[in-house]
Amino acid sequence: MFICIASYAGLSGAVRFSKDSSAGYLVNDLARRFAAALQARIKPLGLSTGVFPVMVQLWEDDGLTQTELVRRIGVEQATMANTLARMQRDGLIARRRSKADGRVQEIRLTDRGKSLRGPAIDAALAVNDTALSSLSPEEREQFLGLMGKIIRTFDDGEGAAADD
């Protein structure tokens, strides 16, 4: 999904769009470039940028439910169901009934899924290092801090679009 935040210019308050000063445009462009670079590095591992966020969550906390993954990653339930089906087909995950609540299934990494953690994380770190290589350590820290602050604004509901 592409979101555009236009910049305001001039005394009249008229909205004038410029991709070079649009936070939404620039973030979307940067995310697309990060995703393409990551895809190139993880494709030989049999992974894609679609499954990578799920893998990261399971590497950190194996045994989550589909509902928990949807909440943590922020995708639609149907999208997650399709992603998990592909991951199961590819031997990355297995679904098991929860011992605590037999009505729900836990998503567990297979040995194959677990074994990809090191190479996939190394690939992501390499993309990050390359992308941020022109920034000083202080600029990197500031950049990441500001992105985190903006994300928290959305999480708090302040960055959400107003209803018409």
N, C-alpha and C. Protein backbone atom coordinates (compact mmCIF):
# COMPACT_ATOMS: atom_id res chain seq x y z
N MET A 1 0.84 -1.17 0.00
CA MET A 1 0.00 0.00 0.00
C MET A 1 0.90 1.24 0.00
N PHE A 2 0.55 2.22 -0.80
CA PHE A 2 1.31 3.45 -0.88
C PHE A 2 0.54 4.57 -0.21
N ILE A 3 1.20 5.26 0.69
CA ILE A 3 0.59 6.40 1.39
C ILE A 3 1.42 7.62 1.07
N CYS A 4 0.76 8.71 0.76
CA CYS A 4 1.46 9.93 0.40
C CYS A 4 1.10 11.03 1.38
N ILE A 5 2.10 11.69 1.90
CA ILE A 5 1.89 12.83 2.77
C ILE A 5 2.41 14.04 1.99
N ALA A 6 1.52 14.93 1.61
CA ALA A 6 1.91 16.08 0.80
C ALA A 6 2.47 17.19 1.69
N SER A 7 3.29 18.01 1.13
CA SER A 7 3.83 19.15 1.86
C SER A 7 2.99 20.38 1.57
N TYR A 8 2.91 21.24 2.57
CA TYR A 8 2.16 22.49 2.43
C TYR A 8 3.13 23.59 2.03
N ALA A 9 2.74 24.41 1.08
CA ALA A 9 3.61 25.48 0.61
C ALA A 9 2.80 26.72 0.30
N GLY A 10 3.43 27.86 0.46
CA GLY A 10 2.78 29.12 0.11
C GLY A 10 1.89 29.64 1.21
N LEU A 11 1.62 30.93 1.16
CA LEU A 11 0.81 31.59 2.17
C LEU A 11 -0.65 31.20 2.07
N SER A 12 -1.10 30.82 0.91
CA SER A 12 -2.51 30.49 0.73
C SER A 12 -2.89 29.17 1.39
N GLY A 13 -1.91 28.39 1.80
CA GLY A 13 -2.18 27.11 2.42
C GLY A 13 -2.50 26.02 1.42
N ALA A 14 -2.32 26.30 0.13
CA ALA A 14 -2.60 25.30 -0.90
C ALA A 14 -1.62 24.14 -0.75
N VAL A 15 -2.10 22.95 -1.02
CA VAL A 15 -1.27 21.77 -0.94
C VAL A 15 -0.57 21.58 -2.28
N ARG A 16 0.74 21.47 -2.21
CA ARG A 16 1.55 21.22 -3.40
C ARG A 16 2.36 19.96 -3.13
N PHE A 17 2.19 18.98 -4.00
CA PHE A 17 2.89 17.71 -3.80
C PHE A 17 4.27 17.77 -4.43
N SER A 18 5.23 17.31 -3.68
CA SER A 18 6.58 17.11 -4.19
C SER A 18 7.09 15.81 -3.60
N LYS A 19 7.42 14.87 -4.47
CA LYS A 19 7.88 13.57 -3.96
C LYS A 19 9.14 13.71 -3.12
N ASP A 20 9.95 14.72 -3.39
CA ASP A 20 11.19 14.90 -2.65
C ASP A 20 10.99 15.45 -1.25
N SER A 21 9.80 15.97 -0.96
CA SER A 21 9.53 16.47 0.39
C SER A 21 8.32 15.77 1.02
N SER A 22 7.90 14.67 0.43
CA SER A 22 6.78 13.90 0.96
C SER A 22 7.32 12.74 1.80
N ALA A 23 7.06 12.78 3.10
CA ALA A 23 7.54 11.72 3.99
C ALA A 23 7.00 10.36 3.54
N GLY A 24 5.71 10.31 3.22
CA GLY A 24 5.12 9.05 2.80
C GLY A 24 5.75 8.49 1.54
N TYR A 25 5.97 9.36 0.56
CA TYR A 25 6.57 8.91 -0.71
C TYR A 25 7.98 8.38 -0.46
N LEU A 26 8.77 9.15 0.31
CA LEU A 26 10.16 8.76 0.55
C LEU A 26 10.25 7.47 1.37
N VAL A 27 9.41 7.33 2.38
CA VAL A 27 9.42 6.10 3.19
C VAL A 27 9.02 4.91 2.33
N ASN A 28 8.00 5.08 1.49
CA ASN A 28 7.57 4.00 0.61
C ASN A 28 8.70 3.61 -0.35
N ASP A 29 9.36 4.60 -0.94
CA ASP A 29 10.45 4.34 -1.87
C ASP A 29 11.60 3.61 -1.16
N LEU A 30 11.93 4.08 0.02
CA LEU A 30 13.01 3.45 0.79
C LEU A 30 12.64 2.01 1.17
N ALA A 31 11.41 1.80 1.61
CA ALA A 31 10.97 0.45 1.98
C ALA A 31 11.03 -0.49 0.78
N ARG A 32 10.62 0.00 -0.38
CA ARG A 32 10.66 -0.81 -1.61
C ARG A 32 12.10 -1.22 -1.93
N ARG A 33 13.02 -0.27 -1.75
CA ARG A 33 14.43 -0.56 -2.04
C ARG A 33 15.03 -1.55 -1.03
N PHE A 34 14.69 -1.37 0.25
CA PHE A 34 15.13 -2.32 1.26
C PHE A 34 14.61 -3.71 0.95
N ALA A 35 13.31 -3.80 0.61
CA ALA A 35 12.70 -5.10 0.32
C ALA A 35 13.37 -5.77 -0.88
N ALA A 36 13.66 -5.02 -1.92
CA ALA A 36 14.30 -5.60 -3.10
C ALA A 36 15.71 -6.11 -2.77
N ALA A 37 16.45 -5.34 -2.00
CA ALA A 37 17.80 -5.77 -1.62
C ALA A 37 17.75 -7.00 -0.72
N LEU A 38 16.81 -7.01 0.22
CA LEU A 38 16.67 -8.18 1.09
C LEU A 38 16.24 -9.40 0.28
N GLN A 39 15.28 -9.23 -0.62
CA GLN A 39 14.81 -10.34 -1.45
C GLN A 39 15.96 -10.98 -2.21
N ALA A 40 16.83 -10.15 -2.78
CA ALA A 40 17.96 -10.68 -3.54
C ALA A 40 18.87 -11.54 -2.66
N ARG A 41 18.98 -11.18 -1.40
CA ARG A 41 19.88 -11.92 -0.50
C ARG A 41 19.25 -13.16 0.12
N ILE A 42 17.93 -13.15 0.33
CA ILE A 42 17.31 -14.30 1.01
C ILE A 42 16.66 -15.29 0.06
N LYS A 43 16.51 -14.91 -1.20
CA LYS A 43 15.92 -15.83 -2.17
C LYS A 43 16.72 -17.13 -2.28
N PRO A 44 18.07 -17.08 -2.30
CA PRO A 44 18.82 -18.34 -2.35
C PRO A 44 18.58 -19.24 -1.13
N LEU A 45 18.08 -18.67 -0.04
CA LEU A 45 17.77 -19.46 1.16
C LEU A 45 16.38 -20.10 1.07
N GLY A 46 15.64 -19.75 0.03
CA GLY A 46 14.27 -20.24 -0.11
C GLY A 46 13.27 -19.39 0.64
N LEU A 47 13.65 -18.16 0.97
CA LEU A 47 12.77 -17.24 1.69
C LEU A 47 12.38 -16.08 0.79
N SER A 48 11.34 -15.38 1.21
CA SER A 48 10.91 -14.18 0.50
C SER A 48 10.64 -13.09 1.53
N THR A 49 10.50 -11.87 1.04
CA THR A 49 10.19 -10.77 1.95
C THR A 49 8.79 -10.91 2.54
N GLY A 50 7.94 -11.72 1.93
CA GLY A 50 6.61 -11.96 2.48
C GLY A 50 6.64 -12.83 3.73
N VAL A 51 7.55 -13.79 3.77
CA VAL A 51 7.62 -14.68 4.93
C VAL A 51 8.63 -14.19 5.98
N PHE A 52 9.51 -13.30 5.58
CA PHE A 52 10.58 -12.86 6.49
C PHE A 52 10.05 -12.31 7.81
N PRO A 53 9.04 -11.40 7.81
CA PRO A 53 8.55 -10.90 9.10
C PRO A 53 7.99 -12.00 10.00
N VAL A 54 7.36 -13.00 9.41
CA VAL A 54 6.83 -14.11 10.20
C VAL A 54 7.98 -14.91 10.80
N MET A 55 8.99 -15.16 9.99
CA MET A 55 10.16 -15.89 10.47
C MET A 55 10.82 -15.15 11.64
N VAL A 56 10.98 -13.83 11.50
CA VAL A 56 11.60 -13.03 12.57
C VAL A 56 10.80 -13.18 13.86
N GLN A 57 9.47 -13.07 13.76
CA GLN A 57 8.64 -13.20 14.96
C GLN A 57 8.79 -14.60 15.58
N LEU A 58 8.82 -15.63 14.76
CA LEU A 58 8.94 -16.99 15.28
C LEU A 58 10.34 -17.28 15.79
N TRP A 59 11.37 -16.71 15.20
CA TRP A 59 12.72 -16.87 15.74
C TRP A 59 12.81 -16.25 17.13
N GLU A 60 12.07 -15.18 17.34
CA GLU A 60 12.08 -14.51 18.64
C GLU A 60 11.14 -15.19 19.63
N ASP A 61 10.04 -15.76 19.16
CA ASP A 61 9.02 -16.30 20.05
C ASP A 61 8.27 -17.43 19.34
N ASP A 62 8.90 -18.58 19.23
CA ASP A 62 8.30 -19.71 18.53
C ASP A 62 7.04 -20.17 19.26
N GLY A 63 6.04 -20.58 18.48
CA GLY A 63 4.82 -21.10 19.06
C GLY A 63 3.69 -20.09 19.15
N LEU A 64 3.80 -19.00 18.41
CA LEU A 64 2.72 -18.02 18.38
C LEU A 64 1.53 -18.57 17.62
N THR A 65 0.37 -18.00 17.85
CA THR A 65 -0.82 -18.37 17.08
C THR A 65 -0.91 -17.48 15.86
N GLN A 66 -1.76 -17.87 14.93
CA GLN A 66 -1.98 -17.04 13.73
C GLN A 66 -2.48 -15.66 14.13
N THR A 67 -3.38 -15.59 15.09
CA THR A 67 -3.92 -14.31 15.54
C THR A 67 -2.83 -13.43 16.14
N GLU A 68 -1.93 -14.03 16.91
CA GLU A 68 -0.82 -13.26 17.48
C GLU A 68 0.10 -12.74 16.39
N LEU A 69 0.37 -13.54 15.38
CA LEU A 69 1.20 -13.10 14.26
C LEU A 69 0.55 -11.96 13.50
N VAL A 70 -0.75 -12.05 13.26
CA VAL A 70 -1.48 -10.98 12.58
C VAL A 70 -1.32 -9.67 13.35
N ARG A 71 -1.51 -9.74 14.66
CA ARG A 71 -1.41 -8.54 15.50
C ARG A 71 0.00 -7.96 15.50
N ARG A 72 0.99 -8.81 15.63
CA ARG A 72 2.37 -8.33 15.70
C ARG A 72 2.88 -7.76 14.39
N ILE A 73 2.48 -8.37 13.28
CA ILE A 73 3.00 -7.96 11.98
C ILE A 73 2.13 -6.91 11.32
N GLY A 74 0.85 -6.91 11.64
CA GLY A 74 -0.04 -5.88 11.10
C GLY A 74 -0.53 -6.16 9.69
N VAL A 75 -0.85 -7.41 9.41
CA VAL A 75 -1.42 -7.77 8.11
C VAL A 75 -2.82 -8.34 8.34
N GLU A 76 -3.54 -8.50 7.26
CA GLU A 76 -4.89 -9.06 7.33
C GLU A 76 -4.81 -10.55 7.65
N GLN A 77 -5.85 -11.05 8.29
CA GLN A 77 -5.93 -12.46 8.66
C GLN A 77 -5.79 -13.37 7.42
N ALA A 78 -6.45 -13.00 6.32
CA ALA A 78 -6.38 -13.81 5.10
C ALA A 78 -4.96 -13.84 4.53
N THR A 79 -4.28 -12.71 4.58
CA THR A 79 -2.89 -12.65 4.10
C THR A 79 -2.01 -13.56 4.93
N MET A 80 -2.20 -13.52 6.26
CA MET A 80 -1.40 -14.38 7.13
C MET A 80 -1.72 -15.84 6.88
N ALA A 81 -2.98 -16.18 6.68
CA ALA A 81 -3.36 -17.57 6.42
C ALA A 81 -2.66 -18.09 5.16
N ASN A 82 -2.65 -17.29 4.12
CA ASN A 82 -1.98 -17.67 2.86
C ASN A 82 -0.47 -17.80 3.06
N THR A 83 0.11 -16.87 3.78
CA THR A 83 1.56 -16.91 4.04
C THR A 83 1.92 -18.16 4.82
N LEU A 84 1.16 -18.46 5.85
CA LEU A 84 1.44 -19.64 6.67
C LEU A 84 1.25 -20.93 5.87
N ALA A 85 0.27 -20.96 5.00
CA ALA A 85 0.08 -22.14 4.15
C ALA A 85 1.29 -22.37 3.26
N ARG A 86 1.83 -21.30 2.67
CA ARG A 86 3.04 -21.42 1.83
C ARG A 86 4.24 -21.86 2.68
N MET A 87 4.35 -21.29 3.87
CA MET A 87 5.47 -21.65 4.74
C MET A 87 5.40 -23.12 5.16
N GLN A 88 4.19 -23.60 5.42
CA GLN A 88 4.02 -25.01 5.78
C GLN A 88 4.36 -25.90 4.58
N ARG A 89 3.89 -25.52 3.41
CA ARG A 89 4.18 -26.25 2.17
C ARG A 89 5.69 -26.34 1.94
N ASP A 90 6.40 -25.24 2.25
CA ASP A 90 7.85 -25.17 2.02
C ASP A 90 8.67 -25.78 3.16
N GLY A 91 7.99 -26.33 4.16
CA GLY A 91 8.71 -27.00 5.25
C GLY A 91 9.34 -26.07 6.26
N LEU A 92 8.86 -24.83 6.35
CA LEU A 92 9.43 -23.87 7.30
C LEU A 92 8.74 -23.91 8.66
N ILE A 93 7.47 -24.26 8.67
CA ILE A 93 6.68 -24.29 9.91
C ILE A 93 5.83 -25.55 9.98
N ALA A 94 5.37 -25.83 11.18
CA ALA A 94 4.37 -26.87 11.42
C ALA A 94 3.35 -26.28 12.38
N ARG A 95 2.11 -26.71 12.25
CA ARG A 95 1.05 -26.25 13.14
C ARG A 95 0.76 -27.37 14.15
N ARG A 96 0.66 -26.96 15.41
CA ARG A 96 0.39 -27.93 16.48
C ARG A 96 -0.68 -27.38 17.40
N ARG A 97 -1.54 -28.27 17.88
CA ARG A 97 -2.56 -27.86 18.85
C ARG A 97 -1.87 -27.39 20.13
N SER A 98 -2.37 -26.30 20.67
CA SER A 98 -1.84 -25.75 21.90
C SER A 98 -2.16 -26.68 23.07
N LYS A 99 -1.20 -26.91 23.94
CA LYS A 99 -1.44 -27.72 25.14
C LYS A 99 -2.30 -26.94 26.13
N ALA A 100 -2.15 -25.61 26.11
CA ALA A 100 -2.92 -24.77 27.02
C ALA A 100 -4.38 -24.63 26.58
N ASP A 101 -4.60 -24.61 25.27
CA ASP A 101 -5.95 -24.43 24.73
C ASP A 101 -6.04 -25.21 23.43
N GLY A 102 -6.63 -26.38 23.48
CA GLY A 102 -6.70 -27.26 22.32
C GLY A 102 -7.47 -26.71 21.14
N ARG A 103 -8.15 -25.58 21.32
CA ARG A 103 -8.91 -24.98 20.21
C ARG A 103 -8.01 -24.17 19.27
N VAL A 104 -6.83 -23.82 19.74
CA VAL A 104 -5.95 -22.99 18.91
C VAL A 104 -4.72 -23.78 18.48
N GLN A 105 -4.16 -23.34 17.35
CA GLN A 105 -2.95 -23.97 16.84
C GLN A 105 -1.77 -23.02 17.04
N GLU A 106 -0.68 -23.57 17.50
CA GLU A 106 0.57 -22.82 17.60
C GLU A 106 1.36 -23.04 16.32
N ILE A 107 2.01 -21.99 15.88
CA ILE A 107 2.87 -22.07 14.70
C ILE A 107 4.29 -22.28 15.19
N ARG A 108 4.88 -23.40 14.82
CA ARG A 108 6.22 -23.75 15.27
C ARG A 108 7.16 -23.88 14.08
N LEU A 109 8.36 -23.39 14.24
CA LEU A 109 9.37 -23.55 13.20
C LEU A 109 9.82 -25.00 13.13
N THR A 110 10.05 -25.46 11.94
CA THR A 110 10.65 -26.78 11.74
C THR A 110 12.16 -26.62 11.92
N ASP A 111 12.86 -27.73 11.91
CA ASP A 111 14.32 -27.67 11.98
C ASP A 111 14.87 -26.83 10.83
N ARG A 112 14.27 -27.01 9.66
CA ARG A 112 14.70 -26.22 8.49
C ARG A 112 14.48 -24.73 8.75
N GLY A 113 13.32 -24.36 9.26
CA GLY A 113 13.03 -22.97 9.56
C GLY A 113 13.99 -22.39 10.58
N LYS A 114 14.29 -23.17 11.60
CA LYS A 114 15.24 -22.72 12.64
C LYS A 114 16.64 -22.54 12.06
N SER A 115 17.03 -23.43 11.15
CA SER A 115 18.39 -23.39 10.60
C SER A 115 18.65 -22.17 9.73
N LEU A 116 17.59 -21.52 9.26
CA LEU A 116 17.75 -20.36 8.37
C LEU A 116 17.96 -19.05 9.13
N ARG A 117 17.80 -19.09 10.44
CA ARG A 117 17.90 -17.86 11.23
C ARG A 117 19.22 -17.12 10.99
N GLY A 118 20.33 -17.80 11.19
CA GLY A 118 21.63 -17.15 11.05
C GLY A 118 21.85 -16.54 9.68
N PRO A 119 21.71 -17.32 8.61
CA PRO A 119 21.94 -16.76 7.28
C PRO A 119 20.95 -15.65 6.91
N ALA A 120 19.70 -15.77 7.32
CA ALA A 120 18.71 -14.75 6.97
C ALA A 120 18.95 -13.45 7.75
N ILE A 121 19.27 -13.57 9.01
CA ILE A 121 19.57 -12.37 9.81
C ILE A 121 20.85 -11.71 9.30
N ASP A 122 21.83 -12.51 8.94
CA ASP A 122 23.06 -11.95 8.35
C ASP A 122 22.74 -11.18 7.07
N ALA A 123 21.85 -11.71 6.26
CA ALA A 123 21.44 -11.03 5.02
C ALA A 123 20.78 -9.69 5.34
N ALA A 124 19.87 -9.68 6.31
CA ALA A 124 19.18 -8.44 6.68
C ALA A 124 20.16 -7.42 7.24
N LEU A 125 21.09 -7.87 8.06
CA LEU A 125 22.10 -6.95 8.62
C LEU A 125 22.98 -6.37 7.52
N ALA A 126 23.32 -7.18 6.54
CA ALA A 126 24.14 -6.71 5.42
C ALA A 126 23.40 -5.63 4.63
N VAL A 127 22.09 -5.84 4.40
CA VAL A 127 21.29 -4.83 3.69
C VAL A 127 21.26 -3.54 4.50
N ASN A 128 21.02 -3.66 5.80
CA ASN A 128 21.00 -2.47 6.65
C ASN A 128 22.34 -1.74 6.62
N ASP A 129 23.43 -2.50 6.75
CA ASP A 129 24.76 -1.88 6.74
C ASP A 129 25.03 -1.15 5.43
N THR A 130 24.68 -1.78 4.32
CA THR A 130 24.89 -1.14 3.03
C THR A 130 24.04 0.12 2.89
N ALA A 131 22.77 0.00 3.25
CA ALA A 131 21.85 1.13 3.09
C ALA A 131 22.25 2.32 3.96
N LEU A 132 22.77 2.06 5.13
CA LEU A 132 23.10 3.14 6.06
C LEU A 132 24.58 3.52 6.03
N SER A 133 25.32 2.98 5.08
CA SER A 133 26.77 3.18 5.05
C SER A 133 27.20 4.64 4.86
N SER A 134 26.33 5.45 4.26
CA SER A 134 26.71 6.85 4.06
C SER A 134 26.41 7.71 5.29
N LEU A 135 25.82 7.12 6.32
CA LEU A 135 25.52 7.87 7.54
C LEU A 135 26.58 7.63 8.61
N SER A 136 26.86 8.65 9.38
CA SER A 136 27.77 8.49 10.52
C SER A 136 27.04 7.68 11.59
N PRO A 137 27.77 7.14 12.57
CA PRO A 137 27.10 6.42 13.65
C PRO A 137 26.04 7.28 14.36
N GLU A 138 26.31 8.54 14.53
CA GLU A 138 25.35 9.45 15.17
C GLU A 138 24.11 9.63 14.28
N GLU A 139 24.33 9.77 12.98
CA GLU A 139 23.21 9.91 12.05
C GLU A 139 22.36 8.64 12.01
N ARG A 140 23.02 7.48 12.06
CA ARG A 140 22.28 6.21 12.09
C ARG A 140 21.37 6.15 13.31
N GLU A 141 21.94 6.48 14.46
CA GLU A 141 21.17 6.45 15.70
C GLU A 141 19.99 7.42 15.64
N GLN A 142 20.26 8.61 15.12
CA GLN A 142 19.19 9.61 15.00
C GLN A 142 18.12 9.14 14.01
N PHE A 143 18.53 8.63 12.87
CA PHE A 143 17.60 8.14 11.86
C PHE A 143 16.69 7.05 12.44
N LEU A 144 17.29 6.05 13.08
CA LEU A 144 16.51 4.96 13.65
C LEU A 144 15.60 5.45 14.77
N GLY A 145 16.10 6.37 15.57
CA GLY A 145 15.28 6.93 16.64
C GLY A 145 14.08 7.69 16.13
N LEU A 146 14.29 8.47 15.08
CA LEU A 146 13.17 9.23 14.50
C LEU A 146 12.15 8.31 13.84
N MET A 147 12.62 7.27 13.17
CA MET A 147 11.67 6.31 12.58
C MET A 147 10.86 5.64 13.67
N GLY A 148 11.51 5.25 14.75
CA GLY A 148 10.80 4.64 15.87
C GLY A 148 9.76 5.58 16.46
N LYS A 149 10.11 6.85 16.55
CA LYS A 149 9.17 7.84 17.10
C LYS A 149 7.94 7.98 16.21
N ILE A 150 8.14 7.99 14.90
CA ILE A 150 7.02 8.09 13.97
C ILE A 150 6.15 6.84 14.05
N ILE A 151 6.76 5.68 14.15
CA ILE A 151 6.00 4.44 14.28
C ILE A 151 5.17 4.47 15.56
N ARG A 152 5.74 4.93 16.65
CA ARG A 152 4.98 5.02 17.91
C ARG A 152 3.81 5.99 17.77
N THR A 153 3.98 7.05 16.96
CA THR A 153 2.87 7.98 16.73
C THR A 153 1.70 7.25 16.08
N PHE A 154 2.00 6.42 15.09
CA PHE A 154 0.94 5.62 14.46
C PHE A 154 0.36 4.61 15.44
N ASP A 155 1.21 3.97 16.22
CA ASP A 155 0.73 2.99 17.19
C ASP A 155 -0.20 3.62 18.22
N ASP A 156 0.08 4.88 18.57
CA ASP A 156 -0.76 5.60 19.54
C ASP A 156 -2.03 6.13 18.93
N GLY A 157 -2.19 5.96 17.60
CA GLY A 157 -3.40 6.42 16.93
C GLY A 157 -3.33 7.85 16.46
N GLU A 158 -2.25 8.54 16.75
CA GLU A 158 -2.14 9.94 16.37
C GLU A 158 -1.83 10.12 14.89
N GLY A 159 -1.23 9.11 14.25
CA GLY A 159 -0.87 9.23 12.85
C GLY A 159 -1.89 8.63 11.92
N ALA A 160 -2.97 8.12 12.46
CA ALA A 160 -4.00 7.49 11.64
C ALA A 160 -4.81 8.57 10.92
N ALA A 161 -5.30 8.21 9.75
CA ALA A 161 -6.11 9.15 8.96
C ALA A 161 -7.43 9.40 9.68
N ALA A 162 -7.87 10.62 9.62
CA ALA A 162 -9.14 10.98 10.24
C ALA A 162 -10.29 10.48 9.38
N ASP A 163 -11.40 10.13 10.05
CA ASP A 163 -12.59 9.71 9.32
C ASP A 163 -13.24 10.94 8.71
N ASP A 164 -13.80 10.77 7.51
CA ASP A 164 -14.48 11.88 6.83
C ASP A 164 -15.85 12.10 7.39
